[in-house]
Amino acid sequence: MKIQRVLFAIVIASSAFLVGCGATQGEKIVGTPSPIAEQIKSMLKTASEDGKPLGSGGMLSMEYLTQLEKTDAAKAKELQADFDALMSMSNPAEIKAKAAAMLKKMP
């Protein structure tokens, strides 16, 4: 009996959560730049200035590229090759140049 009450409460709470506050018909939702894209741009800007390797920022780039691939597969593929090259670099001058070039390609 107690388990049924708990399950019932979970179902009711889940239903309320799923209903939410949807947009009304006719309301236009304006797209905003992906927060991940902004983080990638910031990361590339920093790398183009200091020449330090990206380190764990590479994981963030993978998530961004997965999102980008849904809308622009060619751009995602091009940036993936650039990120792979950048992640393998250790020379500060090369990192700066590659990051600056990539920053110009970012949508």
PDB file of N, CA and C in Angstrom:
ATOM      1  N   MET A   1       0.820  -1.190   0.000  1.00  0.00           N
ATOM      2  CA  MET A   1       0.000   0.000   0.000  1.00  0.00           C
ATOM      3  C   MET A   1       0.864   1.254   0.000  1.00  0.00           C
ATOM      4  N   LYS A   2       1.908   1.224   0.817  1.00  0.00           N
ATOM      5  CA  LYS A   2       2.796   2.373   0.914  1.00  0.00           C
ATOM      6  C   LYS A   2       3.546   2.581  -0.411  1.00  0.00           C
ATOM      7  N   ILE A   3       3.941   1.486  -1.039  1.00  0.00           N
ATOM      8  CA  ILE A   3       4.658   1.561  -2.313  1.00  0.00           C
ATOM      9  C   ILE A   3       3.750   2.157  -3.390  1.00  0.00           C
ATOM     10  N   GLN A   4       2.471   1.801  -3.370  1.00  0.00           N
ATOM     11  CA  GLN A   4       1.533   2.339  -4.351  1.00  0.00           C
ATOM     12  C   GLN A   4       1.404   3.852  -4.205  1.00  0.00           C
ATOM     13  N   ARG A   5       1.386   4.337  -2.981  1.00  0.00           N
ATOM     14  CA  ARG A   5       1.290   5.781  -2.744  1.00  0.00           C
ATOM     15  C   ARG A   5       2.535   6.501  -3.266  1.00  0.00           C
ATOM     16  N   VAL A   6       3.676   5.903  -3.008  1.00  0.00           N
ATOM     17  CA  VAL A   6       4.932   6.507  -3.469  1.00  0.00           C
ATOM     18  C   VAL A   6       4.964   6.535  -4.997  1.00  0.00           C
ATOM     19  N   LEU A   7       4.594   5.433  -5.619  1.00  0.00           N
ATOM     20  CA  LEU A   7       4.570   5.383  -7.079  1.00  0.00           C
ATOM     21  C   LEU A   7       3.566   6.381  -7.655  1.00  0.00           C
ATOM     22  N   PHE A   8       2.403   6.480  -7.012  1.00  0.00           N
ATOM     23  CA  PHE A   8       1.396   7.432  -7.458  1.00  0.00           C
ATOM     24  C   PHE A   8       1.942   8.863  -7.357  1.00  0.00           C
ATOM     25  N   ALA A   9       2.625   9.181  -6.263  1.00  0.00           N
ATOM     26  CA  ALA A   9       3.201  10.512  -6.079  1.00  0.00           C
ATOM     27  C   ALA A   9       4.261  10.802  -7.140  1.00  0.00           C
ATOM     28  N   ILE A  10       5.048   9.797  -7.480  1.00  0.00           N
ATOM     29  CA  ILE A  10       6.084   9.967  -8.510  1.00  0.00           C
ATOM     30  C   ILE A  10       5.438  10.227  -9.866  1.00  0.00           C
ATOM     31  N   VAL A  11       4.376   9.481 -10.188  1.00  0.00           N
ATOM     32  CA  VAL A  11       3.686   9.664 -11.465  1.00  0.00           C
ATOM     33  C   VAL A  11       3.083  11.064 -11.546  1.00  0.00           C
ATOM     34  N   ILE A  12       2.454  11.523 -10.483  1.00  0.00           N
ATOM     35  CA  ILE A  12       1.843  12.860 -10.468  1.00  0.00           C
ATOM     36  C   ILE A  12       2.922  13.933 -10.608  1.00  0.00           C
ATOM     37  N   ALA A  13       4.010  13.800  -9.870  1.00  0.00           N
ATOM     38  CA  ALA A  13       5.091  14.787  -9.944  1.00  0.00           C
ATOM     39  C   ALA A  13       5.710  14.806 -11.338  1.00  0.00           C
ATOM     40  N   SER A  14       5.899  13.625 -11.919  1.00  0.00           N
ATOM     41  CA  SER A  14       6.469  13.549 -13.270  1.00  0.00           C
ATOM     42  C   SER A  14       5.547  14.191 -14.298  1.00  0.00           C
ATOM     43  N   SER A  15       4.250  13.945 -14.154  1.00  0.00           N
ATOM     44  CA  SER A  15       3.273  14.524 -15.079  1.00  0.00           C
ATOM     45  C   SER A  15       3.292  16.046 -15.001  1.00  0.00           C
ATOM     46  N   ALA A  16       3.333  16.567 -13.792  1.00  0.00           N
ATOM     47  CA  ALA A  16       3.359  18.019 -13.614  1.00  0.00           C
ATOM     48  C   ALA A  16       4.631  18.603 -14.216  1.00  0.00           C
ATOM     49  N   PHE A  17       5.726  17.898 -14.070  1.00  0.00           N
ATOM     50  CA  PHE A  17       6.988  18.369 -14.615  1.00  0.00           C
ATOM     51  C   PHE A  17       6.963  18.373 -16.139  1.00  0.00           C
ATOM     52  N   LEU A  18       6.394  17.324 -16.724  1.00  0.00           N
ATOM     53  CA  LEU A  18       6.373  17.207 -18.181  1.00  0.00           C
ATOM     54  C   LEU A  18       5.432  18.206 -18.844  1.00  0.00           C
ATOM     55  N   VAL A  19       4.351  18.577 -18.180  1.00  0.00           N
ATOM     56  CA  VAL A  19       3.395  19.526 -18.758  1.00  0.00           C
ATOM     57  C   VAL A  19       4.047  20.883 -18.893  1.00  0.00           C
ATOM     58  N   GLY A  20       4.634  21.392 -17.854  1.00  0.00           N
ATOM     59  CA  GLY A  20       5.393  22.643 -17.892  1.00  0.00           C
ATOM     60  C   GLY A  20       4.618  23.824 -18.424  1.00  0.00           C
ATOM     61  N   CYS A  21       5.358  24.827 -18.847  1.00  0.00           N
ATOM     62  CA  CYS A  21       4.771  26.052 -19.385  1.00  0.00           C
ATOM     63  C   CYS A  21       5.219  26.189 -20.827  1.00  0.00           C
ATOM     64  N   GLY A  22       4.521  25.605 -21.740  1.00  0.00           N
ATOM     65  CA  GLY A  22       4.905  25.640 -23.148  1.00  0.00           C
ATOM     66  C   GLY A  22       4.663  27.005 -23.766  1.00  0.00           C
ATOM     67  N   ALA A  23       5.300  27.257 -24.905  1.00  0.00           N
ATOM     68  CA  ALA A  23       5.111  28.504 -25.633  1.00  0.00           C
ATOM     69  C   ALA A  23       3.729  28.490 -26.285  1.00  0.00           C
ATOM     70  N   THR A  24       3.115  29.646 -26.385  1.00  0.00           N
ATOM     71  CA  THR A  24       1.807  29.727 -27.020  1.00  0.00           C
ATOM     72  C   THR A  24       1.981  29.674 -28.526  1.00  0.00           C
ATOM     73  N   GLN A  25       0.916  29.294 -29.238  1.00  0.00           N
ATOM     74  CA  GLN A  25       1.005  29.256 -30.684  1.00  0.00           C
ATOM     75  C   GLN A  25       1.236  30.664 -31.202  1.00  0.00           C
ATOM     76  N   GLY A  26       2.045  30.762 -32.218  1.00  0.00           N
ATOM     77  CA  GLY A  26       2.324  32.057 -32.826  1.00  0.00           C
ATOM     78  C   GLY A  26       3.499  32.774 -32.174  1.00  0.00           C
ATOM     79  N   GLU A  27       3.910  32.325 -31.022  1.00  0.00           N
ATOM     80  CA  GLU A  27       5.041  32.953 -30.362  1.00  0.00           C
ATOM     81  C   GLU A  27       6.323  32.456 -31.027  1.00  0.00           C
ATOM     82  N   LYS A  28       7.146  33.374 -31.468  1.00  0.00           N
ATOM     83  CA  LYS A  28       8.388  32.988 -32.121  1.00  0.00           C
ATOM     84  C   LYS A  28       9.489  32.891 -31.080  1.00  0.00           C
ATOM     85  N   ILE A  29      10.208  31.812 -31.161  1.00  0.00           N
ATOM     86  CA  ILE A  29      11.325  31.619 -30.251  1.00  0.00           C
ATOM     87  C   ILE A  29      12.590  31.921 -31.037  1.00  0.00           C
ATOM     88  N   VAL A  30      13.328  32.891 -30.574  1.00  0.00           N
ATOM     89  CA  VAL A  30      14.539  33.323 -31.258  1.00  0.00           C
ATOM     90  C   VAL A  30      15.702  32.470 -30.786  1.00  0.00           C
ATOM     91  N   GLY A  31      16.456  31.929 -31.742  1.00  0.00           N
ATOM     92  CA  GLY A  31      17.617  31.122 -31.399  1.00  0.00           C
ATOM     93  C   GLY A  31      18.735  31.989 -30.844  1.00  0.00           C
ATOM     94  N   THR A  32      19.411  31.454 -29.870  1.00  0.00           N
ATOM     95  CA  THR A  32      20.549  32.150 -29.297  1.00  0.00           C
ATOM     96  C   THR A  32      21.792  31.316 -29.541  1.00  0.00           C
ATOM     97  N   PRO A  33      22.942  31.955 -29.576  1.00  0.00           N
ATOM     98  CA  PRO A  33      24.161  31.184 -29.790  1.00  0.00           C
ATOM     99  C   PRO A  33      24.333  30.148 -28.683  1.00  0.00           C
ATOM    100  N   SER A  34      24.825  29.010 -29.058  1.00  0.00           N
ATOM    101  CA  SER A  34      25.054  27.937 -28.100  1.00  0.00           C
ATOM    102  C   SER A  34      26.062  28.393 -27.049  1.00  0.00           C
ATOM    103  N   PRO A  35      25.762  28.131 -25.783  1.00  0.00           N
ATOM    104  CA  PRO A  35      26.738  28.480 -24.754  1.00  0.00           C
ATOM    105  C   PRO A  35      28.055  27.747 -24.982  1.00  0.00           C
ATOM    106  N   ILE A  36      27.963  26.544 -25.554  1.00  0.00           N
ATOM    107  CA  ILE A  36      29.189  25.794 -25.835  1.00  0.00           C
ATOM    108  C   ILE A  36      29.993  26.504 -26.911  1.00  0.00           C
ATOM    109  N   ALA A  37      29.315  27.029 -27.945  1.00  0.00           N
ATOM    110  CA  ALA A  37      30.017  27.758 -29.008  1.00  0.00           C
ATOM    111  C   ALA A  37      30.740  28.956 -28.434  1.00  0.00           C
ATOM    112  N   GLU A  38      30.084  29.656 -27.522  1.00  0.00           N
ATOM    113  CA  GLU A  38      30.722  30.822 -26.906  1.00  0.00           C
ATOM    114  C   GLU A  38      31.932  30.408 -26.073  1.00  0.00           C
ATOM    115  N   GLN A  39      31.832  29.277 -25.383  1.00  0.00           N
ATOM    116  CA  GLN A  39      32.963  28.789 -24.597  1.00  0.00           C
ATOM    117  C   GLN A  39      34.124  28.380 -25.500  1.00  0.00           C
ATOM    118  N   ILE A  40      33.800  27.748 -26.628  1.00  0.00           N
ATOM    119  CA  ILE A  40      34.844  27.345 -27.574  1.00  0.00           C
ATOM    120  C   ILE A  40      35.547  28.584 -28.120  1.00  0.00           C
ATOM    121  N   LYS A  41      34.762  29.604 -28.496  1.00  0.00           N
ATOM    122  CA  LYS A  41      35.363  30.842 -29.009  1.00  0.00           C
ATOM    123  C   LYS A  41      36.276  31.465 -27.965  1.00  0.00           C
ATOM    124  N   SER A  42      35.832  31.473 -26.720  1.00  0.00           N
ATOM    125  CA  SER A  42      36.646  32.028 -25.643  1.00  0.00           C
ATOM    126  C   SER A  42      37.934  31.221 -25.464  1.00  0.00           C
ATOM    127  N   MET A  43      37.797  29.901 -25.518  1.00  0.00           N
ATOM    128  CA  MET A  43      38.954  29.025 -25.376  1.00  0.00           C
ATOM    129  C   MET A  43      39.952  29.249 -26.518  1.00  0.00           C
ATOM    130  N   LEU A  44      39.433  29.368 -27.750  1.00  0.00           N
ATOM    131  CA  LEU A  44      40.311  29.598 -28.901  1.00  0.00           C
ATOM    132  C   LEU A  44      40.966  30.975 -28.823  1.00  0.00           C
ATOM    133  N   LYS A  45      40.228  31.966 -28.355  1.00  0.00           N
ATOM    134  CA  LYS A  45      40.789  33.318 -28.218  1.00  0.00           C
ATOM    135  C   LYS A  45      41.952  33.297 -27.227  1.00  0.00           C
ATOM    136  N   THR A  46      41.744  32.623 -26.114  1.00  0.00           N
ATOM    137  CA  THR A  46      42.804  32.515 -25.104  1.00  0.00           C
ATOM    138  C   THR A  46      44.015  31.780 -25.672  1.00  0.00           C
ATOM    139  N   ALA A  47      43.774  30.670 -26.379  1.00  0.00           N
ATOM    140  CA  ALA A  47      44.876  29.903 -26.962  1.00  0.00           C
ATOM    141  C   ALA A  47      45.615  30.715 -28.020  1.00  0.00           C
ATOM    142  N   SER A  48      44.876  31.549 -28.767  1.00  0.00           N
ATOM    143  CA  SER A  48      45.529  32.366 -29.800  1.00  0.00           C
ATOM    144  C   SER A  48      46.377  33.471 -29.187  1.00  0.00           C
ATOM    145  N   GLU A  49      46.108  33.795 -27.928  1.00  0.00           N
ATOM    146  CA  GLU A  49      46.879  34.839 -27.243  1.00  0.00           C
ATOM    147  C   GLU A  49      48.041  34.273 -26.431  1.00  0.00           C
ATOM    148  N   ASP A  50      47.806  33.140 -25.727  1.00  0.00           N
ATOM    149  CA  ASP A  50      48.871  32.637 -24.856  1.00  0.00           C
ATOM    150  C   ASP A  50      49.630  31.430 -25.403  1.00  0.00           C
ATOM    151  N   GLY A  51      49.086  30.755 -26.424  1.00  0.00           N
ATOM    152  CA  GLY A  51      49.786  29.633 -27.048  1.00  0.00           C
ATOM    153  C   GLY A  51      49.855  28.376 -26.212  1.00  0.00           C
ATOM    154  N   LYS A  52      49.041  28.304 -25.145  1.00  0.00           N
ATOM    155  CA  LYS A  52      49.047  27.109 -24.294  1.00  0.00           C
ATOM    156  C   LYS A  52      48.127  26.045 -24.885  1.00  0.00           C
ATOM    157  N   PRO A  53      48.488  24.772 -24.730  1.00  0.00           N
ATOM    158  CA  PRO A  53      47.631  23.687 -25.219  1.00  0.00           C
ATOM    159  C   PRO A  53      46.246  23.737 -24.578  1.00  0.00           C
ATOM    160  N   LEU A  54      45.243  23.206 -25.284  1.00  0.00           N
ATOM    161  CA  LEU A  54      43.864  23.265 -24.799  1.00  0.00           C
ATOM    162  C   LEU A  54      43.600  22.369 -23.606  1.00  0.00           C
ATOM    163  N   GLY A  55      44.271  21.260 -23.516  1.00  0.00           N
ATOM    164  CA  GLY A  55      44.054  20.354 -22.389  1.00  0.00           C
ATOM    165  C   GLY A  55      42.656  19.762 -22.417  1.00  0.00           C
ATOM    166  N   SER A  56      41.942  19.888 -21.307  1.00  0.00           N
ATOM    167  CA  SER A  56      40.610  19.284 -21.203  1.00  0.00           C
ATOM    168  C   SER A  56      39.562  20.019 -22.040  1.00  0.00           C
ATOM    169  N   GLY A  57      39.901  21.145 -22.618  1.00  0.00           N
ATOM    170  CA  GLY A  57      38.971  21.865 -23.483  1.00  0.00           C
ATOM    171  C   GLY A  57      38.600  21.070 -24.714  1.00  0.00           C
ATOM    172  N   GLY A  58      39.386  20.080 -25.037  1.00  0.00           N
ATOM    173  CA  GLY A  58      39.094  19.233 -26.189  1.00  0.00           C
ATOM    174  C   GLY A  58      37.782  18.485 -26.045  1.00  0.00           C
ATOM    175  N   MET A  59      37.423  18.129 -24.828  1.00  0.00           N
ATOM    176  CA  MET A  59      36.152  17.435 -24.598  1.00  0.00           C
ATOM    177  C   MET A  59      34.982  18.367 -24.891  1.00  0.00           C
ATOM    178  N   LEU A  60      35.118  19.614 -24.529  1.00  0.00           N
ATOM    179  CA  LEU A  60      34.078  20.602 -24.802  1.00  0.00           C
ATOM    180  C   LEU A  60      33.923  20.784 -26.302  1.00  0.00           C
ATOM    181  N   SER A  61      35.034  20.766 -27.014  1.00  0.00           N
ATOM    182  CA  SER A  61      34.971  20.927 -28.468  1.00  0.00           C
ATOM    183  C   SER A  61      34.231  19.768 -29.115  1.00  0.00           C
ATOM    184  N   MET A  62      34.378  18.565 -28.584  1.00  0.00           N
ATOM    185  CA  MET A  62      33.685  17.405 -29.137  1.00  0.00           C
ATOM    186  C   MET A  62      32.169  17.572 -29.000  1.00  0.00           C
ATOM    187  N   GLU A  63      31.728  18.079 -27.858  1.00  0.00           N
ATOM    188  CA  GLU A  63      30.297  18.289 -27.644  1.00  0.00           C
ATOM    189  C   GLU A  63      29.766  19.338 -28.616  1.00  0.00           C
ATOM    190  N   TYR A  64      30.531  20.405 -28.792  1.00  0.00           N
ATOM    191  CA  TYR A  64      30.129  21.462 -29.719  1.00  0.00           C
ATOM    192  C   TYR A  64      30.048  20.929 -31.149  1.00  0.00           C
ATOM    193  N   LEU A  65      31.045  20.165 -31.559  1.00  0.00           N
ATOM    194  CA  LEU A  65      31.067  19.638 -32.923  1.00  0.00           C
ATOM    195  C   LEU A  65      29.896  18.684 -33.175  1.00  0.00           C
ATOM    196  N   THR A  66      29.498  17.957 -32.154  1.00  0.00           N
ATOM    197  CA  THR A  66      28.340  17.066 -32.283  1.00  0.00           C
ATOM    198  C   THR A  66      27.076  17.888 -32.548  1.00  0.00           C
ATOM    199  N   GLN A  67      26.943  19.007 -31.846  1.00  0.00           N
ATOM    200  CA  GLN A  67      25.792  19.896 -32.058  1.00  0.00           C
ATOM    201  C   GLN A  67      25.853  20.536 -33.441  1.00  0.00           C
ATOM    202  N   LEU A  68      27.022  21.005 -33.822  1.00  0.00           N
ATOM    203  CA  LEU A  68      27.192  21.681 -35.102  1.00  0.00           C
ATOM    204  C   LEU A  68      26.923  20.739 -36.273  1.00  0.00           C
ATOM    205  N   GLU A  69      27.265  19.486 -36.104  1.00  0.00           N
ATOM    206  CA  GLU A  69      27.096  18.506 -37.179  1.00  0.00           C
ATOM    207  C   GLU A  69      25.626  18.376 -37.597  1.00  0.00           C
ATOM    208  N   LYS A  70      24.716  18.625 -36.660  1.00  0.00           N
ATOM    209  CA  LYS A  70      23.283  18.539 -36.960  1.00  0.00           C
ATOM    210  C   LYS A  70      22.831  19.637 -37.910  1.00  0.00           C
ATOM    211  N   THR A  71      23.502  20.786 -37.878  1.00  0.00           N
ATOM    212  CA  THR A  71      23.095  21.912 -38.715  1.00  0.00           C
ATOM    213  C   THR A  71      24.043  22.192 -39.870  1.00  0.00           C
ATOM    214  N   ASP A  72      25.328  21.882 -39.712  1.00  0.00           N
ATOM    215  CA  ASP A  72      26.314  22.174 -40.751  1.00  0.00           C
ATOM    216  C   ASP A  72      27.418  21.115 -40.707  1.00  0.00           C
ATOM    217  N   ALA A  73      27.140  19.986 -41.335  1.00  0.00           N
ATOM    218  CA  ALA A  73      28.064  18.846 -41.283  1.00  0.00           C
ATOM    219  C   ALA A  73      29.430  19.168 -41.884  1.00  0.00           C
ATOM    220  N   ALA A  74      29.453  19.927 -42.967  1.00  0.00           N
ATOM    221  CA  ALA A  74      30.726  20.263 -43.617  1.00  0.00           C
ATOM    222  C   ALA A  74      31.599  21.112 -42.695  1.00  0.00           C
ATOM    223  N   LYS A  75      30.988  22.104 -42.048  1.00  0.00           N
ATOM    224  CA  LYS A  75      31.736  22.972 -41.130  1.00  0.00           C
ATOM    225  C   LYS A  75      32.228  22.162 -39.930  1.00  0.00           C
ATOM    226  N   ALA A  76      31.403  21.251 -39.425  1.00  0.00           N
ATOM    227  CA  ALA A  76      31.790  20.412 -38.290  1.00  0.00           C
ATOM    228  C   ALA A  76      32.988  19.532 -38.646  1.00  0.00           C
ATOM    229  N   LYS A  77      32.960  18.969 -39.852  1.00  0.00           N
ATOM    230  CA  LYS A  77      34.055  18.107 -40.291  1.00  0.00           C
ATOM    231  C   LYS A  77      35.355  18.907 -40.420  1.00  0.00           C
ATOM    232  N   GLU A  78      35.252  20.098 -40.977  1.00  0.00           N
ATOM    233  CA  GLU A  78      36.426  20.959 -41.135  1.00  0.00           C
ATOM    234  C   GLU A  78      37.001  21.346 -39.767  1.00  0.00           C
ATOM    235  N   LEU A  79      36.124  21.746 -38.852  1.00  0.00           N
ATOM    236  CA  LEU A  79      36.587  22.141 -37.526  1.00  0.00           C
ATOM    237  C   LEU A  79      37.134  20.946 -36.746  1.00  0.00           C
ATOM    238  N   GLN A  80      36.572  19.761 -36.973  1.00  0.00           N
ATOM    239  CA  GLN A  80      37.069  18.562 -36.292  1.00  0.00           C
ATOM    240  C   GLN A  80      38.525  18.308 -36.666  1.00  0.00           C
ATOM    241  N   ALA A  81      38.844  18.430 -37.947  1.00  0.00           N
ATOM    242  CA  ALA A  81      40.228  18.242 -38.387  1.00  0.00           C
ATOM    243  C   ALA A  81      41.139  19.288 -37.742  1.00  0.00           C
ATOM    244  N   ASP A  82      40.654  20.529 -37.666  1.00  0.00           N
ATOM    245  CA  ASP A  82      41.444  21.588 -37.038  1.00  0.00           C
ATOM    246  C   ASP A  82      41.643  21.330 -35.544  1.00  0.00           C
ATOM    247  N   PHE A  83      40.570  20.901 -34.852  1.00  0.00           N
ATOM    248  CA  PHE A  83      40.690  20.618 -33.413  1.00  0.00           C
ATOM    249  C   PHE A  83      41.660  19.462 -33.169  1.00  0.00           C
ATOM    250  N   ASP A  84      41.598  18.439 -34.017  1.00  0.00           N
ATOM    251  CA  ASP A  84      42.518  17.311 -33.872  1.00  0.00           C
ATOM    252  C   ASP A  84      43.961  17.793 -34.003  1.00  0.00           C
ATOM    253  N   ALA A  85      44.214  18.638 -34.999  1.00  0.00           N
ATOM    254  CA  ALA A  85      45.566  19.164 -35.197  1.00  0.00           C
ATOM    255  C   ALA A  85      45.981  20.034 -34.010  1.00  0.00           C
ATOM    256  N   LEU A  86      45.075  20.876 -33.554  1.00  0.00           N
ATOM    257  CA  LEU A  86      45.379  21.777 -32.436  1.00  0.00           C
ATOM    258  C   LEU A  86      45.678  20.995 -31.161  1.00  0.00           C
ATOM    259  N   MET A  87      44.910  19.940 -30.921  1.00  0.00           N
ATOM    260  CA  MET A  87      45.108  19.146 -29.702  1.00  0.00           C
ATOM    261  C   MET A  87      46.462  18.428 -29.697  1.00  0.00           C
ATOM    262  N   SER A  88      47.021  18.174 -30.869  1.00  0.00           N
ATOM    263  CA  SER A  88      48.296  17.467 -30.930  1.00  0.00           C
ATOM    264  C   SER A  88      49.495  18.418 -30.894  1.00  0.00           C
ATOM    265  N   MET A  89      49.247  19.720 -30.950  1.00  0.00           N
ATOM    266  CA  MET A  89      50.335  20.698 -30.976  1.00  0.00           C
ATOM    267  C   MET A  89      50.862  21.008 -29.575  1.00  0.00           C
ATOM    268  N   SER A  90      52.167  21.317 -29.524  1.00  0.00           N
ATOM    269  CA  SER A  90      52.767  21.735 -28.259  1.00  0.00           C
ATOM    270  C   SER A  90      53.571  23.029 -28.424  1.00  0.00           C
ATOM    271  N   ASN A  91      53.892  23.402 -29.655  1.00  0.00           N
ATOM    272  CA  ASN A  91      54.641  24.620 -29.926  1.00  0.00           C
ATOM    273  C   ASN A  91      53.709  25.831 -29.777  1.00  0.00           C
ATOM    274  N   PRO A  92      54.005  26.761 -28.853  1.00  0.00           N
ATOM    275  CA  PRO A  92      53.132  27.909 -28.617  1.00  0.00           C
ATOM    276  C   PRO A  92      52.831  28.740 -29.866  1.00  0.00           C
ATOM    277  N   ALA A  93      53.806  28.922 -30.735  1.00  0.00           N
ATOM    278  CA  ALA A  93      53.590  29.719 -31.948  1.00  0.00           C
ATOM    279  C   ALA A  93      52.594  29.027 -32.882  1.00  0.00           C
ATOM    280  N   GLU A  94      52.731  27.702 -33.006  1.00  0.00           N
ATOM    281  CA  GLU A  94      51.800  26.945 -33.846  1.00  0.00           C
ATOM    282  C   GLU A  94      50.389  26.954 -33.266  1.00  0.00           C
ATOM    283  N   ILE A  95      50.306  26.826 -31.938  1.00  0.00           N
ATOM    284  CA  ILE A  95      49.002  26.842 -31.266  1.00  0.00           C
ATOM    285  C   ILE A  95      48.320  28.186 -31.483  1.00  0.00           C
ATOM    286  N   LYS A  96      49.077  29.261 -31.329  1.00  0.00           N
ATOM    287  CA  LYS A  96      48.515  30.603 -31.524  1.00  0.00           C
ATOM    288  C   LYS A  96      47.965  30.770 -32.942  1.00  0.00           C
ATOM    289  N   ALA A  97      48.753  30.350 -33.930  1.00  0.00           N
ATOM    290  CA  ALA A  97      48.357  30.512 -35.326  1.00  0.00           C
ATOM    291  C   ALA A  97      47.121  29.656 -35.652  1.00  0.00           C
ATOM    292  N   LYS A  98      47.129  28.403 -35.212  1.00  0.00           N
ATOM    293  CA  LYS A  98      46.012  27.498 -35.498  1.00  0.00           C
ATOM    294  C   LYS A  98      44.742  27.979 -34.801  1.00  0.00           C
ATOM    295  N   ALA A  99      44.854  28.391 -33.552  1.00  0.00           N
ATOM    296  CA  ALA A  99      43.681  28.857 -32.798  1.00  0.00           C
ATOM    297  C   ALA A  99      43.102  30.118 -33.426  1.00  0.00           C
ATOM    298  N   ALA A 100      43.964  31.029 -33.864  1.00  0.00           N
ATOM    299  CA  ALA A 100      43.497  32.259 -34.505  1.00  0.00           C
ATOM    300  C   ALA A 100      42.767  31.932 -35.821  1.00  0.00           C
ATOM    301  N   ALA A 101      43.317  30.996 -36.578  1.00  0.00           N
ATOM    302  CA  ALA A 101      42.676  30.602 -37.850  1.00  0.00           C
ATOM    303  C   ALA A 101      41.325  29.939 -37.589  1.00  0.00           C
ATOM    304  N   MET A 102      41.256  29.110 -36.576  1.00  0.00           N
ATOM    305  CA  MET A 102      40.009  28.426 -36.239  1.00  0.00           C
ATOM    306  C   MET A 102      38.952  29.413 -35.750  1.00  0.00           C
ATOM    307  N   LEU A 103      39.397  30.398 -35.019  1.00  0.00           N
ATOM    308  CA  LEU A 103      38.466  31.402 -34.492  1.00  0.00           C
ATOM    309  C   LEU A 103      37.745  32.120 -35.623  1.00  0.00           C
ATOM    310  N   LYS A 104      38.451  32.336 -36.727  1.00  0.00           N
ATOM    311  CA  LYS A 104      37.836  32.994 -37.894  1.00  0.00           C
ATOM    312  C   LYS A 104      36.802  32.096 -38.571  1.00  0.00           C
ATOM    313  N   LYS A 105      36.953  30.769 -38.423  1.00  0.00           N
ATOM    314  CA  LYS A 105      36.038  29.828 -39.065  1.00  0.00           C
ATOM    315  C   LYS A 105      34.782  29.557 -38.233  1.00  0.00           C
ATOM    316  N   MET A 106      34.804  29.947 -36.961  1.00  0.00           N
ATOM    317  CA  MET A 106      33.678  29.647 -36.089  1.00  0.00           C
ATOM    318  C   MET A 106      32.430  30.393 -36.547  1.00  0.00           C
ATOM    319  N   PRO A 107      31.286  29.678 -36.574  1.00  0.00           N
ATOM    320  CA  PRO A 107      30.039  30.336 -36.981  1.00  0.00           C
ATOM    321  C   PRO A 107      29.527  31.296 -35.918  1.00  0.00           C
TER     322      PRO A 107
END
